[in-house]
Amino acid sequence: MANHLTDQLKEKFDKIGQDLDTHLEGLLYSKPINYWDYIQTDALLDLQTQRSTLPDEMVFIMYHQINELLFKMILWEIEQVAKNKQLTADFFSSKLMRISRYFDMLTSSFNIMREGMEVEQYNKFRNTLTPASGFQSAQYRKIEFSSTELINLIDNRFRETIDRNTSFDHAFEHLYWQAAGKDYKTGKKSYLLTVFEERYKDEFIRFAKFYNTNNLWTKFKQLPEDVKEDKMLIDAMRHYDHTVNIKWVMAHYNTANHYLNIGGKTAEATGGSEWVKYMHPKYQRRIFFPDLWTKQELADWGKNV
């Protein structure tokens, strides 16, 4: 057994032009791994910096950091589908269900925010966050780019004017979330949107170009007909679409409404966005996989929640 392992190791390192004995000698002096070093616990727990003295701000910070870690897990799963050259229904379905479980967790976790922070504290420390906003989560935008074709992310008012021949720059200017910080009559953008684009626009366009033909919806449509008819795969696609664009969005919307709709008066989001029309699915009708829903389901999208 030992000789067999040594032969395998030698073959592995020969392929990359490395000397096996050198690597084995290095093992003599290496330290055993432990949990806290492997997980980088100390670094992870040192990433929370409050801007106020209010204790519930710590809940807010850690909650959003956990979200970003889950977003990274989702992108990791999507990338495996995007780069798989021999997709099967089982592989595709298993990855979609992983992603949906992450979003199920994100959806249910909004109760941590809704029930875990005092409204009075939140409405005090939120002023120290201005003009930052959860709108500026680049990873969430990437999840959208990698899940569906760009046309399905275009503001519903402009979809008929944009097609596959439209430049990425032009399409970018008409993405649905631009409505959160752009006056389409004047072209003027809010500070929230301006700084977000300065930081991420070039990166987004590079990312969107790759996923233009490698997003989950396009990968599905490229499958053989018999695979596209697989019930388990279709159910997984529909579950993911509904979970992200209805359940998760509405959980977010209802939490925002809990904190920002006080006494019948709706407060402005920290970044200045018109969060009600930007977030609610019945306005922007974000649907990743439109052909997998009936005409009636599409007509009712976001209305009965």
Protein backbone atom coordinates (compact mmCIF):
# COMPACT_ATOMS: atom_id res chain seq x y z
CA MET A 1 0.00 0.00 0.00
CA ALA A 2 2.80 2.41 0.95
CA ASN A 3 4.67 1.78 -2.31
CA HIS A 4 1.45 2.27 -4.28
CA LEU A 5 0.87 5.67 -2.63
CA THR A 6 4.49 6.66 -3.22
CA ASP A 7 4.18 5.74 -6.90
CA GLN A 8 1.01 7.85 -7.20
CA LEU A 9 2.68 10.80 -5.49
CA LYS A 10 5.73 10.51 -7.75
CA GLU A 11 3.48 10.47 -10.81
CA LYS A 12 1.61 13.53 -9.53
CA PHE A 13 4.72 15.62 -8.93
CA ASP A 14 6.48 14.41 -12.10
CA LYS A 15 3.60 15.86 -14.10
CA ILE A 16 4.34 19.34 -12.76
CA GLY A 17 8.14 19.01 -12.85
CA GLN A 18 8.53 18.70 -9.09
CA ASP A 19 10.79 16.44 -7.06
CA LEU A 20 8.84 14.09 -4.77
CA ASP A 21 11.66 13.77 -2.20
CA THR A 22 11.75 17.54 -1.73
CA HIS A 23 8.03 17.62 -0.92
CA LEU A 24 8.28 14.62 1.40
CA GLU A 25 11.16 16.26 3.26
CA GLY A 26 9.02 19.35 3.69
CA LEU A 27 6.42 17.22 5.49
CA LEU A 28 9.01 16.41 8.16
CA TYR A 29 9.03 20.04 9.28
CA SER A 30 5.41 21.03 8.69
CA LYS A 31 3.00 21.65 11.57
CA PRO A 32 -0.22 19.67 11.95
CA ILE A 33 -3.26 21.69 10.91
CA ASN A 34 -5.79 22.73 13.53
CA TYR A 35 -9.36 23.96 13.25
CA TRP A 36 -8.77 27.62 14.06
CA ASP A 37 -5.97 28.00 11.52
CA TYR A 38 -7.83 26.08 8.81
CA ILE A 39 -11.02 28.16 9.23
CA GLN A 40 -9.05 31.36 9.94
CA THR A 41 -11.27 31.91 12.96
CA ASP A 42 -9.32 34.81 14.45
CA ALA A 43 -9.28 36.74 11.17
CA LEU A 44 -12.98 36.04 10.60
CA LEU A 45 -13.99 37.25 14.06
CA ASP A 46 -11.94 40.40 13.70
CA LEU A 47 -13.90 41.67 10.70
CA GLN A 48 -16.75 43.32 12.62
CA THR A 49 -16.27 47.06 13.13
CA GLN A 50 -19.15 49.08 14.55
CA ARG A 51 -19.74 52.70 13.59
CA SER A 52 -21.96 53.36 16.60
CA THR A 53 -22.25 52.41 20.28
CA LEU A 54 -25.57 50.63 19.78
CA PRO A 55 -25.26 46.87 20.45
CA ASP A 56 -27.75 45.74 17.79
CA GLU A 57 -25.51 47.18 15.09
CA MET A 58 -23.26 44.15 15.66
CA VAL A 59 -26.17 41.88 14.72
CA PHE A 60 -26.66 43.89 11.53
CA ILE A 61 -22.98 43.68 10.54
CA MET A 62 -22.56 39.96 11.22
CA TYR A 63 -25.84 39.10 9.52
CA HIS A 64 -24.77 40.79 6.29
CA GLN A 65 -21.31 39.23 6.42
CA ILE A 66 -22.96 35.80 6.70
CA ASN A 67 -25.09 36.70 3.67
CA GLU A 68 -21.99 37.52 1.65
CA LEU A 69 -20.41 34.17 2.60
CA LEU A 70 -23.55 32.39 1.41
CA PHE A 71 -23.51 34.41 -1.81
CA LYS A 72 -19.95 33.18 -2.36
CA MET A 73 -21.10 29.59 -1.87
CA ILE A 74 -23.88 30.13 -4.41
CA LEU A 75 -21.49 31.56 -7.00
CA TRP A 76 -19.15 28.63 -6.39
CA GLU A 77 -21.93 26.17 -7.29
CA ILE A 78 -23.07 28.14 -10.34
CA GLU A 79 -19.52 28.28 -11.68
CA GLN A 80 -19.33 24.48 -11.61
CA VAL A 81 -22.40 24.28 -13.82
CA ALA A 82 -21.15 27.05 -16.12
CA LYS A 83 -17.82 25.33 -16.75
CA ASN A 84 -19.15 21.78 -17.05
CA LYS A 85 -18.89 20.60 -20.66
CA GLN A 86 -20.91 17.41 -20.16
CA LEU A 87 -23.87 18.43 -18.05
CA THR A 88 -26.27 15.75 -16.88
CA ALA A 89 -29.70 16.22 -15.34
CA ASP A 90 -28.49 14.75 -12.05
CA PHE A 91 -25.46 17.07 -11.81
CA PHE A 92 -27.46 20.16 -12.81
CA SER A 93 -30.30 19.33 -10.41
CA SER A 94 -28.00 18.63 -7.48
CA LYS A 95 -26.23 21.98 -7.91
CA LEU A 96 -29.53 23.87 -8.25
CA MET A 97 -30.89 22.28 -5.10
CA ARG A 98 -27.72 23.20 -3.22
CA ILE A 99 -28.14 26.78 -4.35
CA SER A 100 -31.83 26.76 -3.41
CA ARG A 101 -30.99 25.48 0.07
CA TYR A 102 -28.60 28.38 0.51
CA PHE A 103 -31.37 30.78 -0.51
CA ASP A 104 -33.85 28.97 1.74
CA MET A 105 -31.43 29.66 4.56
CA LEU A 106 -31.11 33.30 3.50
CA THR A 107 -34.89 33.64 3.37
CA SER A 108 -35.57 32.16 6.79
CA SER A 109 -32.67 34.10 8.30
CA PHE A 110 -34.45 37.42 7.81
CA ASN A 111 -36.21 36.69 11.09
CA ILE A 112 -32.82 37.24 12.72
CA MET A 113 -33.00 40.81 11.50
CA ARG A 114 -36.72 41.30 11.91
CA GLU A 115 -36.93 39.89 15.44
CA GLY A 116 -33.30 40.31 16.48
CA MET A 117 -32.88 44.08 16.34
CA GLU A 118 -34.77 46.78 18.16
CA VAL A 119 -36.48 49.11 15.72
CA GLU A 120 -35.43 52.12 17.79
CA GLN A 121 -31.77 51.09 17.76
CA TYR A 122 -31.82 50.36 14.04
CA ASN A 123 -33.31 53.73 13.18
CA LYS A 124 -30.51 55.37 15.11
CA PHE A 125 -27.47 53.49 13.84
CA ARG A 126 -28.76 53.34 10.23
CA ASN A 127 -27.93 57.03 9.94
CA THR A 128 -24.26 56.21 10.47
CA LEU A 129 -24.43 53.86 7.45
CA THR A 130 -25.56 56.48 4.93
CA PRO A 131 -24.96 56.34 1.99
CA ALA A 132 -24.00 52.64 2.10
CA SER A 133 -26.73 50.17 1.16
CA GLY A 134 -27.27 46.43 0.74
CA PHE A 135 -28.07 47.41 -2.84
CA GLN A 136 -24.29 47.54 -3.27
CA SER A 137 -23.76 43.79 -2.85
CA ALA A 138 -21.68 42.97 -5.92
CA GLN A 139 -21.93 39.24 -5.31
CA TYR A 140 -25.73 39.33 -5.47
CA ARG A 141 -25.54 41.13 -8.82
CA LYS A 142 -23.18 38.41 -10.03
CA ILE A 143 -25.65 35.74 -8.93
CA GLU A 144 -28.25 37.40 -11.15
CA PHE A 145 -25.85 37.71 -14.12
CA SER A 146 -24.88 34.05 -13.84
CA SER A 147 -28.43 32.75 -13.37
CA THR A 148 -30.18 34.06 -16.47
CA GLU A 149 -29.84 35.85 -19.78
CA LEU A 150 -29.26 39.58 -19.51
CA ILE A 151 -32.59 40.45 -21.13
CA ASN A 152 -34.39 39.03 -18.08
CA LEU A 153 -32.57 41.52 -15.85
CA ILE A 154 -33.43 44.56 -17.97
CA ASP A 155 -35.91 47.06 -16.54
CA ASN A 156 -39.34 45.84 -17.61
CA ARG A 157 -40.02 49.19 -19.33
CA PHE A 158 -37.10 48.81 -21.75
CA ARG A 159 -36.96 45.10 -22.61
CA GLU A 160 -38.51 45.52 -26.04
CA THR A 161 -35.72 47.93 -27.06
CA ILE A 162 -32.84 45.58 -26.15
CA ASP A 163 -31.72 42.28 -27.70
CA ARG A 164 -28.60 40.12 -28.01
CA ASN A 165 -27.01 42.60 -30.41
CA THR A 166 -27.20 45.41 -27.85
CA SER A 167 -23.84 46.39 -26.36
CA PHE A 168 -23.17 45.39 -22.78
CA ASP A 169 -22.60 49.03 -21.86
CA HIS A 170 -26.03 50.04 -23.16
CA ALA A 171 -27.75 47.05 -21.58
CA PHE A 172 -26.02 47.79 -18.28
CA GLU A 173 -27.57 51.26 -18.23
CA HIS A 174 -31.03 49.66 -18.39
CA LEU A 175 -30.69 46.88 -15.80
CA TYR A 176 -33.68 46.76 -13.47
CA TRP A 177 -31.69 47.86 -10.41
CA GLN A 178 -30.65 51.07 -12.12
CA ALA A 179 -34.17 52.25 -11.27
CA ALA A 180 -33.15 52.38 -7.61
CA GLY A 181 -30.85 55.32 -8.24
CA LYS A 182 -31.37 56.78 -11.70
CA ASP A 183 -33.72 59.36 -13.16
CA TYR A 184 -34.33 58.04 -16.69
CA LYS A 185 -35.69 61.40 -17.85
CA THR A 186 -32.50 63.31 -16.99
CA GLY A 187 -30.01 60.44 -16.84
CA LYS A 188 -28.83 61.68 -13.44
CA LYS A 189 -27.64 58.98 -11.04
CA SER A 190 -27.62 59.01 -7.26
CA TYR A 191 -24.38 58.92 -5.30
CA LEU A 192 -25.29 55.35 -4.26
CA LEU A 193 -25.37 54.17 -7.87
CA THR A 194 -22.43 56.30 -9.03
CA VAL A 195 -19.90 54.98 -6.53
CA PHE A 196 -21.19 51.42 -6.99
CA GLU A 197 -20.54 51.62 -10.72
CA GLU A 198 -17.14 53.25 -10.26
CA ARG A 199 -16.12 50.28 -8.13
CA TYR A 200 -17.74 47.40 -10.03
CA LYS A 201 -19.00 48.30 -13.53
CA ASP A 202 -15.96 47.08 -15.46
CA GLU A 203 -15.84 43.91 -13.39
CA PHE A 204 -19.56 43.33 -13.93
CA ILE A 205 -19.27 43.70 -17.69
CA ARG A 206 -16.37 41.22 -17.86
CA PHE A 207 -18.35 38.82 -15.69
CA ALA A 208 -21.55 39.26 -17.72
CA LYS A 209 -19.70 38.61 -20.99
CA PHE A 210 -18.61 35.17 -19.81
CA TYR A 211 -22.01 34.32 -18.39
CA ASN A 212 -23.79 35.63 -21.49
CA THR A 213 -23.52 32.09 -22.88
CA ASN A 214 -22.77 30.20 -19.67
CA ASN A 215 -25.58 31.30 -17.35
CA LEU A 216 -27.88 28.67 -15.81
CA TRP A 217 -30.76 29.42 -18.20
CA THR A 218 -28.64 29.21 -21.35
CA LYS A 219 -26.91 26.05 -20.11
CA PHE A 220 -30.34 24.51 -19.55
CA LYS A 221 -31.54 25.45 -23.05
CA GLN A 222 -28.41 23.88 -24.57
CA LEU A 223 -29.18 20.47 -23.06
CA PRO A 224 -30.54 17.62 -25.20
CA GLU A 225 -34.34 17.62 -25.41
CA ASP A 226 -34.77 14.50 -23.30
CA VAL A 227 -32.63 16.02 -20.53
CA LYS A 228 -34.58 19.30 -20.62
CA GLU A 229 -37.75 17.29 -20.02
CA ASP A 230 -36.38 15.71 -16.85
CA LYS A 231 -38.98 16.44 -14.15
CA MET A 232 -36.47 16.60 -11.32
CA LEU A 233 -34.40 19.17 -13.21
CA ILE A 234 -37.44 21.29 -14.16
CA ASP A 235 -38.66 21.23 -10.57
CA ALA A 236 -35.21 22.29 -9.37
CA MET A 237 -35.13 25.17 -11.88
CA ARG A 238 -38.59 26.39 -10.87
CA HIS A 239 -37.81 26.05 -7.18
CA TYR A 240 -34.66 28.13 -7.55
CA ASP A 241 -36.42 30.83 -9.59
CA HIS A 242 -39.32 31.11 -7.12
CA THR A 243 -37.05 30.97 -4.08
CA VAL A 244 -34.78 33.79 -5.28
CA ASN A 245 -37.23 36.08 -7.06
CA ILE A 246 -40.29 35.69 -4.85
CA LYS A 247 -39.59 34.17 -1.43
CA TRP A 248 -36.17 35.70 -0.71
CA VAL A 249 -37.06 39.08 -2.22
CA MET A 250 -40.32 39.27 -0.26
CA ALA A 251 -38.60 38.27 2.99
CA HIS A 252 -36.17 41.13 2.37
CA TYR A 253 -39.01 43.49 1.44
CA ASN A 254 -41.05 42.63 4.54
CA THR A 255 -38.05 43.12 6.81
CA ALA A 256 -37.32 46.51 5.25
CA ASN A 257 -40.97 47.40 5.63
CA HIS A 258 -40.82 46.43 9.32
CA TYR A 259 -38.04 48.93 9.99
CA LEU A 260 -38.73 51.65 7.43
CA ASN A 261 -42.51 51.92 7.38
CA ILE A 262 -43.15 53.55 10.73
CA GLY A 263 -46.58 54.94 11.54
CA GLY A 264 -47.68 54.66 7.93
CA LYS A 265 -44.78 56.77 6.69
CA THR A 266 -42.19 55.04 4.51
CA ALA A 267 -38.63 56.10 5.23
CA GLU A 268 -35.99 56.44 2.55
CA ALA A 269 -33.37 53.67 2.36
CA THR A 270 -29.85 54.55 3.55
CA GLY A 271 -28.61 54.79 -0.02
CA GLY A 272 -31.56 56.93 -1.08
CA SER A 273 -33.14 54.25 -3.29
CA GLU A 274 -36.87 53.94 -3.94
CA TRP A 275 -36.78 50.57 -2.24
CA VAL A 276 -40.50 49.73 -2.45
CA LYS A 277 -40.70 49.70 -6.26
CA TYR A 278 -37.15 48.46 -6.61
CA MET A 279 -37.59 45.42 -4.36
CA HIS A 280 -41.15 44.17 -4.87
CA PRO A 281 -41.25 41.43 -7.57
CA LYS A 282 -44.54 42.59 -9.08
CA TYR A 283 -42.88 45.80 -10.34
CA GLN A 284 -39.67 44.57 -11.95
CA ARG A 285 -40.82 40.99 -12.64
CA ARG A 286 -37.44 39.36 -12.28
CA ILE A 287 -37.81 35.83 -13.67
CA PHE A 288 -34.70 33.76 -14.40
CA PHE A 289 -36.35 30.94 -16.38
CA PRO A 290 -39.48 32.42 -18.04
CA ASP A 291 -40.24 29.48 -20.34
CA LEU A 292 -40.68 27.13 -17.39
CA TRP A 293 -43.75 29.00 -16.12
CA THR A 294 -47.29 29.03 -17.49
CA LYS A 295 -48.81 32.21 -18.93
CA GLN A 296 -50.98 32.53 -15.84
CA GLU A 297 -48.03 32.06 -13.48
CA LEU A 298 -46.13 34.75 -15.37
CA ALA A 299 -49.12 37.11 -15.26
CA ASP A 300 -49.48 36.59 -11.51
CA TRP A 301 -45.75 36.91 -10.72
CA GLY A 302 -45.34 38.65 -7.38
CA LYS A 303 -49.00 39.65 -7.11
CA ASN A 304 -50.21 37.17 -4.52
CA VAL A 305 -47.50 37.66 -1.88
